[in-house]
Amino acid sequence: MQRLKMNFQILGGAIAALSLSLAACSTSTAPGSAALSQAQADTVADVMASEADGLAEGASYDGTIAPPIGFFESALPRGLPFPIFSGACKPTKSPASPTNSDGDAVPDSVRYDFTGCSFTGPFASITVSGMIDFVDPTPTTTDVGLKTRYLAFTRGVTYNGKTRSVKQNGVRLVIRSADKLQRADSSFETDYTFPDGTTASNLINWSSLFTPDASSVVTMTTWHAWGLPSGTWTINGSSTFTRGDKSYALQVTTSPPLHFNAGCTMGPRFDAGTLKVVVTKNGTTSTVTVAFTACGQYIVTRS
């Protein structure tokens, strides 16, 4: 059975997993069954699509922008440009003038504390807290490597009178060359709080490769905090998703790779490609296939 998903001005990135969707059709499974129900498959698809969309976050560092805009983009309602928001976000930078031993784009180590950050707009308000460390994994070698360490980095979004939030902890490592980007997300955990007060968590260990479109290769040498150029993501890895008393072991692959469209104004920011998620629940294996068809749109197939 397939379900067509289309997100309209939803909360992007990890928060997209909390969005409402339009359902083309659905099926049900009796409570306690080992099989994955359609509703559970939809939840898995939403979370994995959000995690994939979040790969663009933290892929670059620009010391002239503090903090990088990319770290807020995934928390914004889709379809709304960042400038429509106003507010105070002046994170504490420590040290104020970080050492840069090799003189490349990334300092040896710098921490941003986001306590007190907030944004408001006509449709949503955002609060931010927690810290992120930006670290050069090879501080004595001039190259393009970036490690981001999230320390209870939390984004809460109030939208249509309802508040959702995500808190993230873990390490993301990016090694970039002129024509590709290699990324590793190690024990990276996202904790969700839903509007009704219920919670869930997702822990990923992913390896991924970003390859820019042929027309965007030159951009790879100059991209900055505003985000990646268009290109493809290949993903391999595992994930553990838990909500309430239910826990799922997931294996994630992409075939064909996901095409990241830098021009998308709603998430997930893919217009092609397929995410395959093999889910183990109570010893039974199911497959959730997420086929992206356009910006913010994908089809979920459960088998």
Protein backbone atom coordinates (compact mmCIF):
# COMPACT_ATOMS: atom_id res chain seq x y z
CA MET A 1 0.00 0.00 0.00
CA GLN A 2 1.29 3.45 -0.87
CA ARG A 3 0.79 6.74 0.86
CA LEU A 4 1.48 10.06 -0.82
CA LYS A 5 2.99 12.65 1.52
CA MET A 6 2.90 16.38 0.85
CA ASN A 7 4.09 18.85 3.50
CA PHE A 8 2.80 22.44 3.42
CA GLN A 9 4.79 25.02 5.41
CA ILE A 10 5.67 22.39 7.97
CA LEU A 11 8.45 22.45 10.48
CA GLY A 12 11.52 21.30 8.60
CA GLY A 13 14.46 19.04 9.40
CA ALA A 14 13.92 16.87 12.45
CA ILE A 15 10.70 18.69 13.32
CA ALA A 16 9.23 17.64 9.96
CA ALA A 17 8.67 14.24 11.58
CA LEU A 18 5.93 15.85 13.65
CA SER A 19 4.04 17.32 10.69
CA LEU A 20 0.57 16.53 9.39
CA SER A 21 0.21 14.91 6.00
CA LEU A 22 -2.40 14.19 3.35
CA ALA A 23 -3.13 10.47 3.11
CA ALA A 24 -3.97 8.81 -0.17
CA CYS A 25 -4.79 5.48 1.51
CA SER A 26 -4.03 3.48 4.64
CA THR A 27 -4.20 0.06 6.21
CA SER A 28 -4.34 -1.10 9.81
CA THR A 29 -2.81 -3.86 11.91
CA ALA A 30 -4.19 -5.35 15.11
CA PRO A 31 -2.61 -4.05 18.34
CA GLY A 32 0.35 -6.15 19.49
CA SER A 33 1.01 -7.56 16.02
CA ALA A 34 4.65 -8.03 15.05
CA ALA A 35 3.92 -6.57 11.61
CA LEU A 36 4.49 -2.87 11.01
CA SER A 37 1.21 -0.98 10.64
CA GLN A 38 0.72 1.72 8.01
CA ALA A 39 0.69 4.41 10.71
CA GLN A 40 3.98 3.10 12.13
CA ALA A 41 5.47 2.95 8.63
CA ASP A 42 4.44 6.56 8.06
CA THR A 43 6.12 7.61 11.32
CA VAL A 44 9.33 5.79 10.38
CA ALA A 45 9.27 7.41 6.93
CA ASP A 46 8.74 10.89 8.39
CA VAL A 47 11.61 10.51 10.84
CA MET A 48 14.05 9.05 8.32
CA ALA A 49 13.17 11.67 5.70
CA SER A 50 13.80 14.35 8.32
CA GLU A 51 17.14 12.84 9.31
CA ALA A 52 18.18 12.73 5.65
CA ASP A 53 17.09 16.35 5.14
CA GLY A 54 19.20 17.31 8.15
CA LEU A 55 22.41 16.08 6.51
CA ALA A 56 22.85 19.49 4.89
CA GLU A 57 22.98 21.04 8.36
CA GLY A 58 26.48 21.52 9.75
CA ALA A 59 28.14 20.76 6.43
CA SER A 60 30.09 24.04 6.47
CA TYR A 61 31.45 26.73 8.75
CA ASP A 62 31.76 30.46 8.17
CA GLY A 63 33.24 32.42 11.04
CA THR A 64 31.77 35.66 9.72
CA ILE A 65 28.24 34.39 10.41
CA ALA A 66 27.59 33.48 14.02
CA PRO A 67 25.86 31.16 14.22
CA PRO A 68 25.62 29.70 10.70
CA ILE A 69 22.12 30.27 9.34
CA GLY A 70 21.95 26.61 8.32
CA PHE A 71 21.52 25.60 11.95
CA PHE A 72 18.16 27.38 12.08
CA GLU A 73 16.88 26.68 8.58
CA SER A 74 15.75 23.17 9.47
CA ALA A 75 13.62 24.54 12.31
CA LEU A 76 11.68 27.00 10.17
CA PRO A 77 8.22 26.40 8.71
CA ARG A 78 8.76 25.42 5.09
CA GLY A 79 7.91 27.96 2.43
CA LEU A 80 8.92 30.93 4.60
CA PRO A 81 12.26 32.62 3.86
CA PHE A 82 14.54 33.21 6.80
CA PRO A 83 14.44 37.05 6.62
CA ILE A 84 10.76 37.06 7.54
CA PHE A 85 11.80 36.20 11.10
CA SER A 86 13.13 38.71 13.57
CA GLY A 87 14.47 38.34 17.05
CA ALA A 88 17.54 38.17 19.21
CA CYS A 89 20.10 35.47 18.70
CA LYS A 90 23.55 36.43 19.84
CA PRO A 91 25.08 33.21 21.10
CA THR A 92 28.07 33.40 23.38
CA LYS A 93 31.21 32.51 21.47
CA SER A 94 34.02 30.90 23.44
CA PRO A 95 36.80 31.70 23.01
CA ALA A 96 35.96 35.03 21.41
CA SER A 97 39.00 34.73 19.12
CA PRO A 98 39.61 31.01 18.62
CA THR A 99 42.98 29.66 17.55
CA ASN A 100 43.33 28.50 13.96
CA SER A 101 46.64 26.65 13.83
CA ASP A 102 46.53 25.64 10.16
CA GLY A 103 44.85 28.79 8.80
CA ASP A 104 42.05 26.93 6.97
CA ALA A 105 38.34 27.75 7.15
CA VAL A 106 37.72 25.96 10.47
CA PRO A 107 39.17 27.09 13.84
CA ASP A 108 40.80 24.55 16.15
CA SER A 109 37.80 24.67 18.50
CA VAL A 110 35.03 27.16 19.22
CA ARG A 111 31.80 26.82 21.20
CA TYR A 112 28.52 28.64 20.64
CA ASP A 113 26.05 28.82 23.54
CA PHE A 114 22.55 29.57 22.24
CA THR A 115 20.86 30.29 25.56
CA GLY A 116 18.22 33.00 25.11
CA CYS A 117 18.01 32.80 21.31
CA SER A 118 14.56 33.37 19.83
CA PHE A 119 12.85 34.31 16.59
CA THR A 120 9.33 35.39 15.76
CA GLY A 121 7.38 35.54 12.53
CA PRO A 122 3.82 35.85 11.25
CA PHE A 123 3.21 32.09 11.43
CA ALA A 124 5.62 30.69 14.01
CA SER A 125 7.98 31.49 16.85
CA ILE A 126 11.26 29.71 17.58
CA THR A 127 13.30 29.32 20.76
CA VAL A 128 16.81 27.90 20.76
CA SER A 129 19.06 26.70 23.59
CA GLY A 130 22.02 24.43 24.19
CA MET A 131 25.50 24.49 22.68
CA ILE A 132 27.40 23.42 19.57
CA ASP A 133 31.17 22.94 19.36
CA PHE A 134 32.82 23.51 15.97
CA VAL A 135 36.12 21.63 15.86
CA ASP A 136 38.84 21.15 13.25
CA PRO A 137 39.50 17.38 13.28
CA THR A 138 42.95 17.98 11.74
CA PRO A 139 44.08 21.25 13.38
CA THR A 140 47.64 21.10 12.04
CA THR A 141 46.71 20.19 8.44
CA THR A 142 45.29 22.72 6.01
CA ASP A 143 42.24 20.97 4.60
CA VAL A 144 38.45 21.14 4.78
CA GLY A 145 37.29 19.07 7.73
CA LEU A 146 34.64 19.95 10.29
CA LYS A 147 33.42 18.21 13.43
CA THR A 148 30.25 19.52 15.09
CA ARG A 149 29.43 18.36 18.60
CA TYR A 150 25.83 19.01 19.70
CA LEU A 151 25.29 19.47 23.44
CA ALA A 152 21.56 19.49 24.28
CA PHE A 153 21.01 21.74 21.24
CA THR A 154 17.27 22.37 21.38
CA ARG A 155 14.86 24.05 18.98
CA GLY A 156 11.26 24.62 19.96
CA VAL A 157 8.74 25.83 17.42
CA THR A 158 5.26 27.14 18.23
CA TYR A 159 3.08 26.85 15.13
CA ASN A 160 -0.71 27.24 14.99
CA GLY A 161 -0.77 27.45 18.77
CA LYS A 162 1.03 24.12 19.24
CA THR A 163 4.62 23.70 20.41
CA ARG A 164 6.97 20.99 19.22
CA SER A 165 10.64 20.65 20.08
CA VAL A 166 13.72 18.57 19.32
CA LYS A 167 16.84 18.19 21.44
CA GLN A 168 20.01 16.87 19.82
CA ASN A 169 23.20 15.34 21.20
CA GLY A 170 26.04 13.74 19.31
CA VAL A 171 28.84 14.23 16.80
CA ARG A 172 28.78 14.95 13.08
CA LEU A 173 32.01 14.74 11.07
CA VAL A 174 32.45 16.17 7.57
CA ILE A 175 35.49 15.79 5.30
CA ARG A 176 35.22 17.79 2.09
CA SER A 177 37.16 17.79 -1.16
CA ALA A 178 36.63 19.82 -4.31
CA ASP A 179 34.16 17.33 -5.78
CA LYS A 180 32.54 15.48 -2.86
CA LEU A 181 31.74 15.50 0.83
CA GLN A 182 32.02 12.53 3.18
CA ARG A 183 30.00 12.58 6.36
CA ALA A 184 29.67 10.43 9.47
CA ASP A 185 26.96 10.85 12.13
CA SER A 186 28.09 8.91 15.19
CA SER A 187 25.60 8.02 17.96
CA PHE A 188 23.67 11.15 17.04
CA GLU A 189 20.46 11.31 19.05
CA THR A 190 17.37 13.42 18.50
CA ASP A 191 14.77 13.58 21.28
CA TYR A 192 11.30 14.71 20.25
CA THR A 193 8.63 16.34 22.41
CA PHE A 194 5.21 16.37 20.78
CA PRO A 195 2.46 18.97 21.37
CA ASP A 196 0.53 16.54 23.57
CA GLY A 197 3.57 16.04 25.83
CA THR A 198 4.52 12.60 24.55
CA THR A 199 8.12 11.95 23.59
CA ALA A 200 10.22 9.85 21.21
CA SER A 201 13.89 9.44 20.36
CA ASN A 202 15.95 8.47 17.33
CA LEU A 203 19.60 7.39 17.44
CA ILE A 204 21.53 7.15 14.18
CA ASN A 205 24.92 5.88 13.05
CA TRP A 206 25.13 6.88 9.40
CA SER A 207 27.83 7.17 6.76
CA SER A 208 26.91 9.35 3.80
CA LEU A 209 28.46 10.78 0.66
CA PHE A 210 27.42 14.02 -1.02
CA THR A 211 28.27 14.55 -4.69
CA PRO A 212 27.39 17.93 -6.25
CA ASP A 213 25.62 18.15 -9.58
CA ALA A 214 28.00 18.67 -12.50
CA SER A 215 26.93 22.32 -12.70
CA SER A 216 27.62 22.79 -8.98
CA VAL A 217 31.12 21.31 -8.65
CA VAL A 218 32.78 24.72 -8.69
CA THR A 219 30.44 25.82 -5.89
CA MET A 220 31.85 23.07 -3.68
CA THR A 221 35.08 25.01 -3.24
CA THR A 222 33.31 28.16 -2.07
CA TRP A 223 30.13 27.09 -0.29
CA HIS A 224 29.53 28.78 3.04
CA ALA A 225 27.04 28.79 5.88
CA TRP A 226 24.03 29.39 3.65
CA GLY A 227 24.10 25.74 2.64
CA LEU A 228 25.12 23.12 0.13
CA PRO A 229 24.65 23.34 -3.63
CA SER A 230 22.33 20.85 -5.33
CA GLY A 231 23.63 17.30 -5.52
CA THR A 232 23.05 13.70 -4.43
CA TRP A 233 23.27 11.99 -1.04
CA THR A 234 24.14 8.30 -0.71
CA ILE A 235 23.35 6.98 2.78
CA ASN A 236 24.19 3.75 4.60
CA GLY A 237 23.68 3.14 8.29
CA SER A 238 21.59 2.05 11.22
CA SER A 239 19.07 3.73 13.46
CA THR A 240 17.08 2.95 16.58
CA PHE A 241 13.73 4.69 16.89
CA THR A 242 11.82 4.56 20.18
CA ARG A 243 8.40 5.92 21.06
CA GLY A 244 6.63 4.92 24.24
CA ASP A 245 7.21 1.22 24.86
CA LYS A 246 7.92 0.47 21.19
CA SER A 247 11.44 0.32 19.78
CA TYR A 248 12.49 -0.38 16.18
CA ALA A 249 15.88 -1.35 14.76
CA LEU A 250 16.37 0.22 11.32
CA GLN A 251 18.84 -0.31 8.47
CA VAL A 252 18.92 2.56 5.97
CA THR A 253 20.17 2.67 2.37
CA THR A 254 19.53 4.81 -0.71
CA SER A 255 18.95 3.49 -4.24
CA PRO A 256 18.95 5.58 -6.31
CA PRO A 257 20.68 8.32 -4.26
CA LEU A 258 18.58 11.19 -2.93
CA HIS A 259 18.78 14.34 -5.04
CA PHE A 260 19.14 17.37 -2.76
CA ASN A 261 17.61 20.45 -4.41
CA ALA A 262 19.12 23.59 -2.88
CA GLY A 263 16.25 25.62 -4.34
CA CYS A 264 13.52 23.78 -2.40
CA THR A 265 11.45 26.07 -0.15
CA MET A 266 9.83 23.24 1.82
CA GLY A 267 11.26 20.07 3.26
CA PRO A 268 12.41 17.46 2.81
CA ARG A 269 14.60 19.17 0.22
CA PHE A 270 14.75 16.24 -2.20
CA ASP A 271 13.09 16.00 -5.60
CA ALA A 272 14.19 12.47 -6.56
CA GLY A 273 15.71 9.31 -5.11
CA THR A 274 14.59 6.53 -2.81
CA LEU A 275 15.26 5.85 0.85
CA LYS A 276 14.92 2.18 1.81
CA VAL A 277 14.42 1.41 5.52
CA VAL A 278 14.45 -2.20 6.74
CA VAL A 279 12.61 -2.26 10.08
CA THR A 280 12.92 -5.01 12.69
CA LYS A 281 10.03 -5.07 15.17
CA ASN A 282 9.51 -7.92 17.64
CA GLY A 283 11.75 -10.14 15.51
CA THR A 284 9.76 -9.48 12.33
CA THR A 285 11.25 -7.57 9.39
CA SER A 286 9.36 -5.05 7.27
CA THR A 287 10.54 -2.66 4.58
CA VAL A 288 9.52 0.98 4.34
CA THR A 289 10.36 2.62 1.01
CA VAL A 290 10.32 6.41 0.77
CA ALA A 291 10.32 7.59 -2.86
CA PHE A 292 10.84 11.35 -3.27
CA THR A 293 8.93 12.87 -6.18
CA ALA A 294 9.29 16.66 -5.69
CA CYS A 295 10.30 19.18 -3.03
CA GLY A 296 8.38 18.32 0.13
CA GLN A 297 6.67 15.31 -1.45
CA TYR A 298 7.26 11.58 -1.20
CA ILE A 299 5.45 8.25 -1.45
CA VAL A 300 5.62 5.71 1.39
CA THR A 301 5.38 2.01 0.54
CA ARG A 302 5.20 -0.67 3.25
CA SER A 303 6.06 -4.29 2.48
